PDB file of N, CA and C in Angstrom:
ATOM      1  N   UNK A   1     -27.209 122.659 -57.254  1.00  0.00           N
ATOM      2  CA  UNK A   1     -28.591 122.251 -57.056  1.00  0.00           C
ATOM      3  C   UNK A   1     -29.186 121.992 -58.660  1.00  0.00           C
ATOM      4  N   UNK A   2     -30.171 121.036 -58.475  1.00  0.00           N
ATOM      5  CA  UNK A   2     -30.765 120.540 -59.574  1.00  0.00           C
ATOM      6  C   UNK A   2     -31.873 121.404 -60.111  1.00  0.00           C
ATOM      7  N   UNK A   3     -32.244 121.430 -61.435  1.00  0.00           N
ATOM      8  CA  UNK A   3     -33.301 122.622 -61.741  1.00  0.00           C
ATOM      9  C   UNK A   3     -34.233 121.993 -61.838  1.00  0.00           C
ATOM     10  N   UNK A   4     -35.553 122.401 -61.039  1.00  0.00           N
ATOM     11  CA  UNK A   4     -36.641 121.304 -61.278  1.00  0.00           C
ATOM     12  C   UNK A   4     -37.472 121.656 -63.054  1.00  0.00           C
ATOM     13  N   UNK A   5     -38.116 120.791 -63.299  1.00  0.00           N
ATOM     14  CA  UNK A   5     -39.027 120.538 -64.531  1.00  0.00           C
ATOM     15  C   UNK A   5     -40.076 121.245 -64.014  1.00  0.00           C
ATOM     16  N   UNK A   6     -40.922 122.207 -65.214  1.00  0.00           N
ATOM     17  CA  UNK A   6     -42.154 122.707 -64.827  1.00  0.00           C
ATOM     18  C   UNK A   6     -43.013 121.323 -65.201  1.00  0.00           C
ATOM     19  N   UNK A   7     -43.962 121.123 -64.651  1.00  0.00           N
ATOM     20  CA  UNK A   7     -45.196 120.481 -64.475  1.00  0.00           C
ATOM     21  C   UNK A   7     -45.713 120.190 -66.060  1.00  0.00           C
ATOM     22  N   UNK A   8     -46.516 119.056 -66.311  1.00  0.00           N
ATOM     23  CA  UNK A   8     -46.879 119.285 -67.958  1.00  0.00           C
ATOM     24  C   UNK A   8     -47.999 118.954 -67.620  1.00  0.00           C
ATOM     25  N   UNK A   9     -49.364 119.914 -67.994  1.00  0.00           N
ATOM     26  CA  UNK A   9     -50.357 119.609 -68.063  1.00  0.00           C
ATOM     27  C   UNK A   9     -51.114 119.813 -69.428  1.00  0.00           C
ATOM     28  N   UNK A  10     -52.626 118.803 -69.595  1.00  0.00           N
ATOM     29  CA  UNK A  10     -52.932 118.856 -70.794  1.00  0.00           C
ATOM     30  C   UNK A  10     -53.434 120.313 -71.186  1.00  0.00           C
ATOM     31  N   UNK A  11     -53.317 120.592 -72.636  1.00  0.00           N
ATOM     32  CA  UNK A  11     -53.765 121.580 -72.826  1.00  0.00           C
ATOM     33  C   UNK A  11     -55.232 122.231 -72.818  1.00  0.00           C
ATOM     34  N   UNK A  12     -55.761 122.962 -72.841  1.00  0.00           N
ATOM     35  CA  UNK A  12     -57.007 123.660 -72.308  1.00  0.00           C
ATOM     36  C   UNK A  12     -57.873 122.836 -73.855  1.00  0.00           C
ATOM     37  N   UNK A  13     -57.522 122.835 -74.720  1.00  0.00           N
ATOM     38  CA  UNK A  13     -58.330 122.188 -75.465  1.00  0.00           C
ATOM     39  C   UNK A  13     -58.462 120.813 -75.471  1.00  0.00           C
ATOM     40  N   UNK A  14     -57.278 120.448 -75.019  1.00  0.00           N
ATOM     41  CA  UNK A  14     -57.196 118.487 -74.645  1.00  0.00           C
ATOM     42  C   UNK A  14     -58.181 118.481 -73.533  1.00  0.00           C
ATOM     43  N   UNK A  15     -58.160 119.149 -72.779  1.00  0.00           N
ATOM     44  CA  UNK A  15     -58.991 119.298 -71.355  1.00  0.00           C
ATOM     45  C   UNK A  15     -60.418 119.495 -71.601  1.00  0.00           C
ATOM     46  N   UNK A  16     -60.937 120.124 -72.317  1.00  0.00           N
ATOM     47  CA  UNK A  16     -62.022 119.986 -72.821  1.00  0.00           C
ATOM     48  C   UNK A  16     -62.681 119.244 -73.685  1.00  0.00           C
ATOM     49  N   UNK A  17     -61.831 118.437 -74.447  1.00  0.00           N
ATOM     50  CA  UNK A  17     -62.454 117.489 -75.287  1.00  0.00           C
ATOM     51  C   UNK A  17     -62.646 115.875 -74.214  1.00  0.00           C
ATOM     52  N   UNK A  18     -61.680 115.917 -73.415  1.00  0.00           N
ATOM     53  CA  UNK A  18     -61.827 114.932 -72.577  1.00  0.00           C
ATOM     54  C   UNK A  18     -62.981 114.727 -71.509  1.00  0.00           C
ATOM     55  N   UNK A  19     -63.296 116.388 -71.357  1.00  0.00           N
ATOM     56  CA  UNK A  19     -64.127 116.428 -70.224  1.00  0.00           C
ATOM     57  C   UNK A  19     -65.394 116.025 -71.152  1.00  0.00           C
ATOM     58  N   UNK A  20     -65.458 116.948 -72.388  1.00  0.00           N
ATOM     59  CA  UNK A  20     -66.886 116.618 -73.244  1.00  0.00           C
ATOM     60  C   UNK A  20     -67.085 114.832 -73.137  1.00  0.00           C
ATOM     61  N   UNK A  21     -66.227 114.372 -73.567  1.00  0.00           N
ATOM     62  CA  UNK A  21     -66.067 112.917 -73.914  1.00  0.00           C
ATOM     63  C   UNK A  21     -66.845 112.066 -72.818  1.00  0.00           C
ATOM     64  N   UNK A  22     -66.346 112.171 -71.440  1.00  0.00           N
ATOM     65  CA  UNK A  22     -66.590 111.658 -70.681  1.00  0.00           C
ATOM     66  C   UNK A  22     -68.052 111.915 -70.126  1.00  0.00           C
ATOM     67  N   UNK A  23     -68.478 113.416 -69.996  1.00  0.00           N
ATOM     68  CA  UNK A  23     -69.758 113.451 -69.783  1.00  0.00           C
ATOM     69  C   UNK A  23     -70.657 113.001 -70.812  1.00  0.00           C
ATOM     70  N   UNK A  24     -70.334 112.954 -72.065  1.00  0.00           N
ATOM     71  CA  UNK A  24     -71.354 112.303 -73.018  1.00  0.00           C
ATOM     72  C   UNK A  24     -71.106 110.568 -72.982  1.00  0.00           C
ATOM     73  N   UNK A  25     -70.223 110.385 -72.848  1.00  0.00           N
ATOM     74  CA  UNK A  25     -70.165 108.655 -72.587  1.00  0.00           C
ATOM     75  C   UNK A  25     -70.949 108.479 -71.153  1.00  0.00           C
ATOM     76  N   UNK A  26     -70.846 109.080 -69.846  1.00  0.00           N
ATOM     77  CA  UNK A  26     -71.662 109.045 -68.862  1.00  0.00           C
ATOM     78  C   UNK A  26     -73.238 108.723 -69.268  1.00  0.00           C
ATOM     79  N   UNK A  27     -73.587 110.341 -69.647  1.00  0.00           N
ATOM     80  CA  UNK A  27     -75.296 110.459 -70.031  1.00  0.00           C
ATOM     81  C   UNK A  27     -75.385 109.171 -71.026  1.00  0.00           C
ATOM     82  N   UNK A  28     -75.057 108.939 -72.117  1.00  0.00           N
ATOM     83  CA  UNK A  28     -75.031 107.741 -73.270  1.00  0.00           C
ATOM     84  C   UNK A  28     -75.229 106.323 -72.419  1.00  0.00           C
ATOM     85  N   UNK A  29     -74.179 106.157 -71.501  1.00  0.00           N
ATOM     86  CA  UNK A  29     -74.728 104.944 -70.745  1.00  0.00           C
ATOM     87  C   UNK A  29     -75.688 104.822 -70.101  1.00  0.00           C
ATOM     88  N   UNK A  30     -76.210 105.844 -69.312  1.00  0.00           N
ATOM     89  CA  UNK A  30     -77.329 105.912 -68.536  1.00  0.00           C
ATOM     90  C   UNK A  30     -78.671 105.895 -69.283  1.00  0.00           C
ATOM     91  N   UNK A  31     -78.634 106.141 -70.435  1.00  0.00           N
ATOM     92  CA  UNK A  31     -79.894 106.444 -71.528  1.00  0.00           C
ATOM     93  C   UNK A  31     -79.819 104.964 -71.895  1.00  0.00           C
ATOM     94  N   UNK A  32     -78.674 104.469 -72.382  1.00  0.00           N
ATOM     95  CA  UNK A  32     -78.868 103.089 -72.468  1.00  0.00           C
ATOM     96  C   UNK A  32     -79.187 102.242 -71.719  1.00  0.00           C
ATOM     97  N   UNK A  33     -78.961 102.297 -70.901  1.00  0.00           N
ATOM     98  CA  UNK A  33     -79.122 101.415 -69.425  1.00  0.00           C
ATOM     99  C   UNK A  33     -80.721 101.521 -69.212  1.00  0.00           C
ATOM    100  N   UNK A  34     -81.422 102.428 -69.352  1.00  0.00           N
ATOM    101  CA  UNK A  34     -82.853 102.872 -69.114  1.00  0.00           C
ATOM    102  C   UNK A  34     -83.646 102.890 -70.126  1.00  0.00           C
ATOM    103  N   UNK A  35     -83.200 103.119 -71.082  1.00  0.00           N
ATOM    104  CA  UNK A  35     -84.160 102.975 -72.451  1.00  0.00           C
ATOM    105  C   UNK A  35     -84.042 102.013 -73.827  1.00  0.00           C
ATOM    106  N   UNK A  36     -82.976 101.248 -73.194  1.00  0.00           N
ATOM    107  CA  UNK A  36     -82.537 100.030 -74.238  1.00  0.00           C
ATOM    108  C   UNK A  36     -83.829  99.190 -74.545  1.00  0.00           C
ATOM    109  N   UNK A  37     -84.001  98.676 -75.549  1.00  0.00           N
ATOM    110  CA  UNK A  37     -85.567  97.906 -75.446  1.00  0.00           C
ATOM    111  C   UNK A  37     -84.617  96.519 -74.906  1.00  0.00           C
ATOM    112  N   UNK A  38     -85.533  95.235 -74.553  1.00  0.00           N
ATOM    113  CA  UNK A  38     -85.238  94.199 -74.200  1.00  0.00           C
ATOM    114  C   UNK A  38     -84.441  93.551 -75.317  1.00  0.00           C
ATOM    115  N   UNK A  39     -84.602  93.626 -76.568  1.00  0.00           N
ATOM    116  CA  UNK A  39     -83.811  92.475 -77.584  1.00  0.00           C
ATOM    117  C   UNK A  39     -82.823  92.819 -77.558  1.00  0.00           C
ATOM    118  N   UNK A  40     -82.276  94.127 -77.221  1.00  0.00           N
ATOM    119  CA  UNK A  40     -80.857  94.267 -76.850  1.00  0.00           C
ATOM    120  C   UNK A  40     -80.180  93.250 -75.798  1.00  0.00           C
ATOM    121  N   UNK A  41     -80.615  93.151 -74.791  1.00  0.00           N
ATOM    122  CA  UNK A  41     -80.365  92.521 -73.633  1.00  0.00           C
ATOM    123  C   UNK A  41     -80.145  90.883 -74.174  1.00  0.00           C
ATOM    124  N   UNK A  42     -81.058  90.439 -74.818  1.00  0.00           N
ATOM    125  CA  UNK A  42     -81.136  89.066 -75.411  1.00  0.00           C
ATOM    126  C   UNK A  42     -80.067  88.733 -76.496  1.00  0.00           C
ATOM    127  N   UNK A  43     -79.978  89.710 -77.343  1.00  0.00           N
ATOM    128  CA  UNK A  43     -78.923  89.777 -78.253  1.00  0.00           C
ATOM    129  C   UNK A  43     -77.396  89.658 -77.814  1.00  0.00           C
ATOM    130  N   UNK A  44     -77.073  90.805 -76.826  1.00  0.00           N
ATOM    131  CA  UNK A  44     -76.025  90.415 -76.600  1.00  0.00           C
ATOM    132  C   UNK A  44     -75.670  89.423 -75.492  1.00  0.00           C
ATOM    133  N   UNK A  45     -76.951  88.841 -74.579  1.00  0.00           N
ATOM    134  CA  UNK A  45     -76.682  87.664 -73.823  1.00  0.00           C
ATOM    135  C   UNK A  45     -76.299  86.481 -74.848  1.00  0.00           C
ATOM    136  N   UNK A  46     -76.790  86.436 -75.903  1.00  0.00           N
ATOM    137  CA  UNK A  46     -76.364  85.613 -77.239  1.00  0.00           C
ATOM    138  C   UNK A  46     -74.691  85.502 -77.499  1.00  0.00           C
ATOM    139  N   UNK A  47     -74.236  86.770 -77.243  1.00  0.00           N
ATOM    140  CA  UNK A  47     -72.880  86.744 -77.546  1.00  0.00           C
ATOM    141  C   UNK A  47     -71.991  86.874 -76.280  1.00  0.00           C
ATOM    142  N   UNK A  48     -72.800  86.669 -75.283  1.00  0.00           N
ATOM    143  CA  UNK A  48     -72.103  86.140 -73.673  1.00  0.00           C
ATOM    144  C   UNK A  48     -71.498  87.398 -73.350  1.00  0.00           C
ATOM    145  N   UNK A  49     -72.441  88.360 -73.456  1.00  0.00           N
ATOM    146  CA  UNK A  49     -72.386  89.376 -72.462  1.00  0.00           C
ATOM    147  C   UNK A  49     -73.600  89.977 -72.173  1.00  0.00           C
ATOM    148  N   UNK A  50     -73.886  90.937 -71.169  1.00  0.00           N
ATOM    149  CA  UNK A  50     -75.357  91.124 -70.772  1.00  0.00           C
ATOM    150  C   UNK A  50     -75.192  92.603 -70.848  1.00  0.00           C
ATOM    151  N   UNK A  51     -76.347  93.364 -70.483  1.00  0.00           N
ATOM    152  CA  UNK A  51     -76.421  94.708 -71.282  1.00  0.00           C
ATOM    153  C   UNK A  51     -75.835  95.591 -69.749  1.00  0.00           C
ATOM    154  N   UNK A  52     -76.182  94.847 -68.883  1.00  0.00           N
ATOM    155  CA  UNK A  52     -75.312  95.969 -67.481  1.00  0.00           C
ATOM    156  C   UNK A  52     -73.969  95.816 -67.361  1.00  0.00           C
ATOM    157  N   UNK A  53     -73.631  94.734 -68.110  1.00  0.00           N
ATOM    158  CA  UNK A  53     -71.792  94.643 -68.033  1.00  0.00           C
ATOM    159  C   UNK A  53     -71.435  95.597 -69.419  1.00  0.00           C
ATOM    160  N   UNK A  54     -72.184  95.894 -70.268  1.00  0.00           N
ATOM    161  CA  UNK A  54     -71.649  96.697 -71.109  1.00  0.00           C
ATOM    162  C   UNK A  54     -71.757  98.230 -70.860  1.00  0.00           C
ATOM    163  N   UNK A  55     -73.244  98.450 -69.835  1.00  0.00           N
ATOM    164  CA  UNK A  55     -73.024  99.664 -69.518  1.00  0.00           C
ATOM    165  C   UNK A  55     -71.969 100.184 -68.152  1.00  0.00           C
ATOM    166  N   UNK A  56     -71.839  99.045 -67.385  1.00  0.00           N
ATOM    167  CA  UNK A  56     -70.361  99.239 -66.637  1.00  0.00           C
ATOM    168  C   UNK A  56     -69.217  99.389 -67.214  1.00  0.00           C
ATOM    169  N   UNK A  57     -68.863  99.077 -68.453  1.00  0.00           N
ATOM    170  CA  UNK A  57     -67.851  99.062 -68.988  1.00  0.00           C
ATOM    171  C   UNK A  57     -67.699 100.488 -69.378  1.00  0.00           C
ATOM    172  N   UNK A  58     -68.703 101.048 -69.986  1.00  0.00           N
ATOM    173  CA  UNK A  58     -68.710 102.512 -70.643  1.00  0.00           C
ATOM    174  C   UNK A  58     -68.792 103.280 -69.576  1.00  0.00           C
ATOM    175  N   UNK A  59     -69.751 102.967 -68.644  1.00  0.00           N
ATOM    176  CA  UNK A  59     -69.107 104.146 -67.045  1.00  0.00           C
ATOM    177  C   UNK A  59     -67.952 103.799 -67.078  1.00  0.00           C
ATOM    178  N   UNK A  60     -67.173 103.339 -66.705  1.00  0.00           N
ATOM    179  CA  UNK A  60     -65.933 103.041 -66.530  1.00  0.00           C
ATOM    180  C   UNK A  60     -64.833 103.655 -67.203  1.00  0.00           C
ATOM    181  N   UNK A  61     -65.099 103.558 -68.311  1.00  0.00           N
ATOM    182  CA  UNK A  61     -64.080 104.321 -69.355  1.00  0.00           C
ATOM    183  C   UNK A  61     -64.690 105.840 -69.078  1.00  0.00           C
ATOM    184  N   UNK A  62     -65.865 106.441 -68.991  1.00  0.00           N
ATOM    185  CA  UNK A  62     -66.479 107.593 -68.649  1.00  0.00           C
ATOM    186  C   UNK A  62     -65.903 108.090 -67.562  1.00  0.00           C
ATOM    187  N   UNK A  63     -65.787 107.483 -66.243  1.00  0.00           N
ATOM    188  CA  UNK A  63     -65.304 107.852 -65.213  1.00  0.00           C
ATOM    189  C   UNK A  63     -63.642 107.895 -64.988  1.00  0.00           C
ATOM    190  N   UNK A  64     -63.023 106.627 -65.990  1.00  0.00           N
ATOM    191  CA  UNK A  64     -61.750 107.183 -66.244  1.00  0.00           C
ATOM    192  C   UNK A  64     -61.118 108.445 -66.946  1.00  0.00           C
ATOM    193  N   UNK A  65     -61.793 108.761 -68.028  1.00  0.00           N
ATOM    194  CA  UNK A  65     -61.440 109.909 -68.599  1.00  0.00           C
ATOM    195  C   UNK A  65     -61.922 111.036 -67.828  1.00  0.00           C
ATOM    196  N   UNK A  66     -62.918 111.539 -67.098  1.00  0.00           N
ATOM    197  CA  UNK A  66     -63.406 112.330 -66.057  1.00  0.00           C
ATOM    198  C   UNK A  66     -61.775 112.483 -64.917  1.00  0.00           C
ATOM    199  N   UNK A  67     -61.460 111.190 -64.577  1.00  0.00           N
ATOM    200  CA  UNK A  67     -60.621 111.333 -63.514  1.00  0.00           C
ATOM    201  C   UNK A  67     -59.180 112.074 -63.606  1.00  0.00           C
ATOM    202  N   UNK A  68     -59.275 111.406 -64.978  1.00  0.00           N
ATOM    203  CA  UNK A  68     -57.968 112.058 -65.820  1.00  0.00           C
ATOM    204  C   UNK A  68     -57.552 113.325 -66.116  1.00  0.00           C
ATOM    205  N   UNK A  69     -58.763 114.000 -66.254  1.00  0.00           N
ATOM    206  CA  UNK A  69     -58.689 115.371 -66.118  1.00  0.00           C
ATOM    207  C   UNK A  69     -59.079 116.038 -65.007  1.00  0.00           C
ATOM    208  N   UNK A  70     -59.342 115.459 -63.939  1.00  0.00           N
ATOM    209  CA  UNK A  70     -59.632 116.393 -62.706  1.00  0.00           C
ATOM    210  C   UNK A  70     -58.237 116.254 -61.907  1.00  0.00           C
ATOM    211  N   UNK A  71     -57.666 114.769 -62.208  1.00  0.00           N
ATOM    212  CA  UNK A  71     -55.737 115.066 -61.347  1.00  0.00           C
ATOM    213  C   UNK A  71     -54.896 115.634 -62.382  1.00  0.00           C
ATOM    214  N   UNK A  72     -55.339 116.252 -63.281  1.00  0.00           N
ATOM    215  CA  UNK A  72     -54.553 116.822 -64.272  1.00  0.00           C
ATOM    216  C   UNK A  72     -54.092 118.392 -64.040  1.00  0.00           C
ATOM    217  N   UNK A  73     -55.333 119.012 -63.382  1.00  0.00           N
ATOM    218  CA  UNK A  73     -55.629 120.328 -63.142  1.00  0.00           C
ATOM    219  C   UNK A  73     -54.311 120.882 -62.154  1.00  0.00           C
ATOM    220  N   UNK A  74     -53.806 121.895 -62.649  1.00  0.00           N
ATOM    221  CA  UNK A  74     -52.552 122.403 -61.734  1.00  0.00           C
ATOM    222  C   UNK A  74     -53.058 122.810 -60.362  1.00  0.00           C
ATOM    223  N   UNK A  75     -52.208 123.002 -59.343  1.00  0.00           N
ATOM    224  CA  UNK A  75     -52.564 123.092 -57.951  1.00  0.00           C
ATOM    225  C   UNK A  75     -53.018 124.533 -57.785  1.00  0.00           C
TER     226      UNK A  75
END
């Protein structure tokens, strides 16, 4: 009979770090979206990006980190 390998999970420190980072990124992206001056949007548009696109990428990174932590929890 084959031995089952124990499931590996992130350590508590890593989990807390990832969770904190995801929350900070999500809060920062919302604050950037609503508090950014109009000059930022025009400067980003000159570089080929829009402020909304940058905010969506930040939110995507934050959600990815959050889901990484959520799906790593032991059952």
